[in-house]
Amino acid sequence: MKRKTLQRIIHFLVDNLTHTEFVDADHVPSEGGVIIAIHHMSHLDTPVMMVNPTRKDITALVTTKYQERALIRWFTNTAEGIWIDRDIADFTAVRKAAQALDVGWALGIAPEGTRSKDACLKEGKPGTIMLAMKSGVPIVPVGITGTEDAFDKLKRFRKPHITVRFGQPFTLPEFKPHERSEQLKRWTNILMYRIAELLPEAYRGVYAE
């Protein structure tokens, strides 16, 4: 199956099985490399992001632990996702991500580095900011609600209500070499708070303040 065929199938399923709303999707640049930084709660997040109304050329970083699950492995490969081993410094994945951004793709990343099992924001990791610094592309923060229990609702023949809210894009200033570590931490926190602002209070977790 080709990627475009997969997207058409996902679009049909999302339209007919869920109530999904994309808010301020025009904040996403219509072309050029961009990092889409999302609050990740469910395996449904990536399929939903694939049918956003602004960027069809979107891919995502996916942890290699899911290669053991046949359906997720097939989906990720068909969607042209980028596998990343989060247990090591995976320079191959970082290089592929940078290449995708360089040729103008949109790249979905979860700054928390993992899926939140309680729907609340966890502490952000510096990888997203490091990639943005390396590539020079803008970052669009995104808050997603409703995917955390979507599969449970579908099992009970109820349509989940999913909201994807896009924040304003921003770019990083140039980091001075002697301030790099401090700036990575500072801008990671800025990114996470911008995601938190797009979420209801109950989802904000460690960024509730």
Protein backbone atom coordinates (compact mmCIF):
# COMPACT_ATOMS: atom_id res chain seq x y z
CA MET A 1 0.00 0.00 0.00
CA LYS A 2 1.20 3.52 -0.77
CA ARG A 3 1.32 6.35 1.74
CA LYS A 4 -1.39 8.39 -0.05
CA THR A 5 -3.75 5.40 -0.03
CA LEU A 6 -3.15 4.96 3.71
CA GLN A 7 -3.93 8.64 4.28
CA ARG A 8 -7.22 8.35 2.35
CA ILE A 9 -8.24 5.36 4.47
CA ILE A 10 -7.33 7.15 7.72
CA HIS A 11 -9.22 10.25 6.57
CA PHE A 12 -12.34 8.17 5.96
CA LEU A 13 -12.07 6.45 9.36
CA VAL A 14 -11.40 9.67 11.29
CA ASP A 15 -14.28 11.46 9.55
CA ASN A 16 -16.76 8.64 10.13
CA LEU A 17 -15.74 7.14 13.48
CA THR A 18 -14.75 10.27 15.43
CA HIS A 19 -15.67 13.89 15.97
CA THR A 20 -12.27 15.43 15.24
CA GLU A 21 -11.70 19.18 15.25
CA PHE A 22 -8.53 20.94 14.08
CA VAL A 23 -8.22 24.39 15.66
CA ASP A 24 -5.94 27.09 14.20
CA ALA A 25 -4.37 24.66 11.72
CA ASP A 26 -3.43 27.70 9.65
CA HIS A 27 -0.67 28.33 12.20
CA VAL A 28 1.26 25.54 10.47
CA PRO A 29 3.36 26.87 7.58
CA SER A 30 1.90 25.57 4.32
CA GLU A 31 5.30 24.51 3.02
CA GLY A 32 8.89 24.04 4.11
CA GLY A 33 10.41 22.07 6.94
CA VAL A 34 8.62 22.42 10.27
CA ILE A 35 8.60 20.54 13.56
CA ILE A 36 5.14 19.68 14.91
CA ALA A 37 5.63 19.24 18.67
CA ILE A 38 2.73 17.28 20.14
CA HIS A 39 1.55 16.07 23.53
CA HIS A 40 1.54 12.32 22.92
CA MET A 41 -1.09 10.20 24.69
CA SER A 42 -2.23 7.50 22.28
CA HIS A 43 -1.30 5.39 19.25
CA LEU A 44 -4.10 7.33 17.56
CA ASP A 45 -2.18 10.63 17.69
CA THR A 46 -0.05 9.94 14.62
CA PRO A 47 -2.94 8.82 12.36
CA VAL A 48 -4.95 11.90 13.39
CA MET A 49 -2.02 14.21 12.65
CA MET A 50 -1.62 12.58 9.23
CA VAL A 51 -5.01 13.96 8.16
CA ASN A 52 -4.53 17.51 9.42
CA PRO A 53 -5.92 20.02 6.91
CA THR A 54 -2.67 21.95 6.31
CA ARG A 55 0.21 19.52 5.80
CA LYS A 56 -0.23 16.16 4.11
CA ASP A 57 3.54 15.76 3.87
CA ILE A 58 3.86 14.98 7.56
CA THR A 59 5.83 12.14 9.07
CA ALA A 60 6.85 11.31 12.63
CA LEU A 61 9.53 9.87 14.86
CA VAL A 62 8.44 6.50 16.25
CA THR A 63 10.27 4.51 18.92
CA THR A 64 11.82 1.23 17.77
CA LYS A 65 10.14 -0.72 20.58
CA TYR A 66 6.99 -0.72 18.44
CA GLN A 67 8.74 -2.65 15.69
CA GLU A 68 7.72 -5.76 17.61
CA ARG A 69 4.04 -4.96 16.95
CA ALA A 70 3.19 -5.98 13.41
CA LEU A 71 0.37 -3.47 12.83
CA ILE A 72 2.33 -0.48 14.15
CA ARG A 73 5.43 -1.58 12.22
CA TRP A 74 3.43 -1.84 8.99
CA PHE A 75 1.68 1.50 9.59
CA THR A 76 4.93 3.33 10.39
CA ASN A 77 6.74 1.94 7.37
CA THR A 78 3.84 2.71 5.04
CA ALA A 79 3.52 6.22 6.47
CA GLU A 80 7.26 6.71 5.92
CA GLY A 81 7.85 7.28 9.62
CA ILE A 82 11.34 7.47 11.11
CA TRP A 83 12.30 4.82 13.64
CA ILE A 84 14.31 6.06 16.61
CA ASP A 85 15.94 4.04 19.39
CA ARG A 86 15.30 6.13 22.49
CA ASP A 87 17.65 4.01 24.60
CA ILE A 88 20.76 5.24 22.79
CA ALA A 89 22.04 8.34 21.03
CA ASP A 90 20.44 7.36 17.72
CA PHE A 91 22.41 9.51 15.28
CA THR A 92 20.98 7.65 12.27
CA ALA A 93 17.43 8.67 13.24
CA VAL A 94 18.53 12.24 13.93
CA ARG A 95 20.19 12.41 10.51
CA LYS A 96 17.06 11.08 8.78
CA ALA A 97 14.90 13.57 10.68
CA ALA A 98 17.18 16.43 9.69
CA GLN A 99 17.09 15.27 6.06
CA ALA A 100 13.28 15.15 6.10
CA LEU A 101 13.17 18.72 7.40
CA ASP A 102 15.80 19.83 4.91
CA VAL A 103 13.70 18.66 1.95
CA GLY A 104 10.66 20.47 3.35
CA TRP A 105 8.66 17.85 5.26
CA ALA A 106 6.65 18.44 8.41
CA LEU A 107 7.93 16.25 11.24
CA GLY A 108 5.87 15.24 14.26
CA ILE A 109 7.79 14.82 17.51
CA ALA A 110 6.72 14.20 21.11
CA PRO A 111 9.09 16.38 23.20
CA GLU A 112 8.37 14.22 26.25
CA GLY A 113 10.14 11.38 24.46
CA THR A 114 7.39 8.87 25.22
CA ARG A 115 3.65 8.37 25.38
CA SER A 116 1.93 9.73 28.48
CA LYS A 117 -0.14 6.96 30.06
CA ASP A 118 -2.14 9.28 32.33
CA ALA A 119 -2.80 11.99 29.68
CA CYS A 120 -0.74 14.54 31.65
CA LEU A 121 2.32 16.35 30.34
CA LYS A 122 5.63 14.91 31.47
CA GLU A 123 8.95 16.70 31.65
CA GLY A 124 10.18 17.65 28.20
CA LYS A 125 13.45 16.31 26.80
CA PRO A 126 15.91 18.54 24.88
CA GLY A 127 15.90 16.47 21.67
CA THR A 128 13.22 18.52 19.89
CA ILE A 129 15.01 21.79 20.58
CA MET A 130 18.33 20.27 19.54
CA LEU A 131 16.86 19.21 16.20
CA ALA A 132 15.27 22.63 15.67
CA MET A 133 18.58 24.29 16.47
CA LYS A 134 20.39 22.01 14.01
CA SER A 135 17.86 22.41 11.19
CA GLY A 136 16.79 26.02 11.71
CA VAL A 137 13.11 25.22 11.05
CA PRO A 138 10.17 26.65 13.01
CA ILE A 139 8.39 24.72 15.74
CA VAL A 140 4.60 24.55 16.02
CA PRO A 141 3.34 23.45 19.46
CA VAL A 142 0.24 21.26 19.42
CA GLY A 143 -2.14 20.20 22.17
CA ILE A 144 -4.28 17.11 21.58
CA THR A 145 -7.21 16.01 23.71
CA GLY A 146 -9.59 13.09 23.35
CA THR A 147 -7.25 10.44 21.97
CA GLU A 148 -6.36 9.05 25.38
CA ASP A 149 -9.65 7.13 25.70
CA ALA A 150 -10.70 7.07 22.04
CA PHE A 151 -10.22 3.33 21.57
CA ASP A 152 -12.27 2.56 24.70
CA LYS A 153 -15.12 4.71 23.39
CA LEU A 154 -14.97 3.10 19.96
CA LYS A 155 -15.26 -0.34 21.58
CA ARG A 156 -18.52 0.88 23.17
CA PHE A 157 -19.72 2.22 19.81
CA ARG A 158 -19.32 5.84 20.92
CA LYS A 159 -17.62 8.48 18.80
CA PRO A 160 -14.69 10.06 20.63
CA HIS A 161 -14.41 13.84 20.46
CA ILE A 162 -10.83 14.71 19.52
CA THR A 163 -9.47 18.25 19.47
CA VAL A 164 -6.14 19.18 17.90
CA ARG A 165 -5.16 22.73 18.78
CA PHE A 166 -2.20 24.38 17.01
CA GLY A 167 -0.16 27.17 18.58
CA GLN A 168 1.80 29.95 16.96
CA PRO A 169 5.02 28.83 15.24
CA PHE A 170 8.31 30.10 16.63
CA THR A 171 11.97 29.85 15.72
CA LEU A 172 14.96 29.64 17.99
CA PRO A 173 17.56 32.38 18.40
CA GLU A 174 21.18 31.53 17.75
CA PHE A 175 22.69 29.83 20.77
CA LYS A 176 26.08 31.02 22.01
CA PRO A 177 28.46 28.07 22.54
CA HIS A 178 29.02 28.77 26.23
CA GLU A 179 25.25 29.09 26.84
CA ARG A 180 24.16 26.02 24.85
CA SER A 181 23.24 23.77 27.77
CA GLU A 182 21.36 26.52 29.58
CA GLN A 183 19.52 27.59 26.43
CA LEU A 184 18.52 24.00 25.57
CA LYS A 185 16.89 23.68 28.98
CA ARG A 186 15.28 27.13 28.77
CA TRP A 187 13.76 26.62 25.31
CA THR A 188 12.61 23.09 26.14
CA ASN A 189 10.65 24.58 29.03
CA ILE A 190 9.30 27.34 26.78
CA LEU A 191 8.12 24.75 24.26
CA MET A 192 6.45 22.62 26.93
CA TYR A 193 4.66 25.60 28.46
CA ARG A 194 3.43 26.61 25.00
CA ILE A 195 2.00 23.12 24.56
CA ALA A 196 0.47 23.31 28.05
CA GLU A 197 -1.28 26.57 27.12
CA LEU A 198 -3.11 24.68 24.36
CA LEU A 199 -4.44 22.04 26.77
CA PRO A 200 -7.13 22.06 29.45
CA GLU A 201 -5.68 22.38 32.95
CA ALA A 202 -6.23 18.70 33.74
CA TYR A 203 -3.75 17.72 31.00
CA ARG A 204 -0.93 20.08 31.89
CA GLY A 205 0.82 17.83 34.41
CA VAL A 206 4.21 19.16 35.55
CA TYR A 207 3.56 22.34 33.54
CA ALA A 208 0.30 23.23 35.30
CA GLU A 209 1.74 26.50 36.59
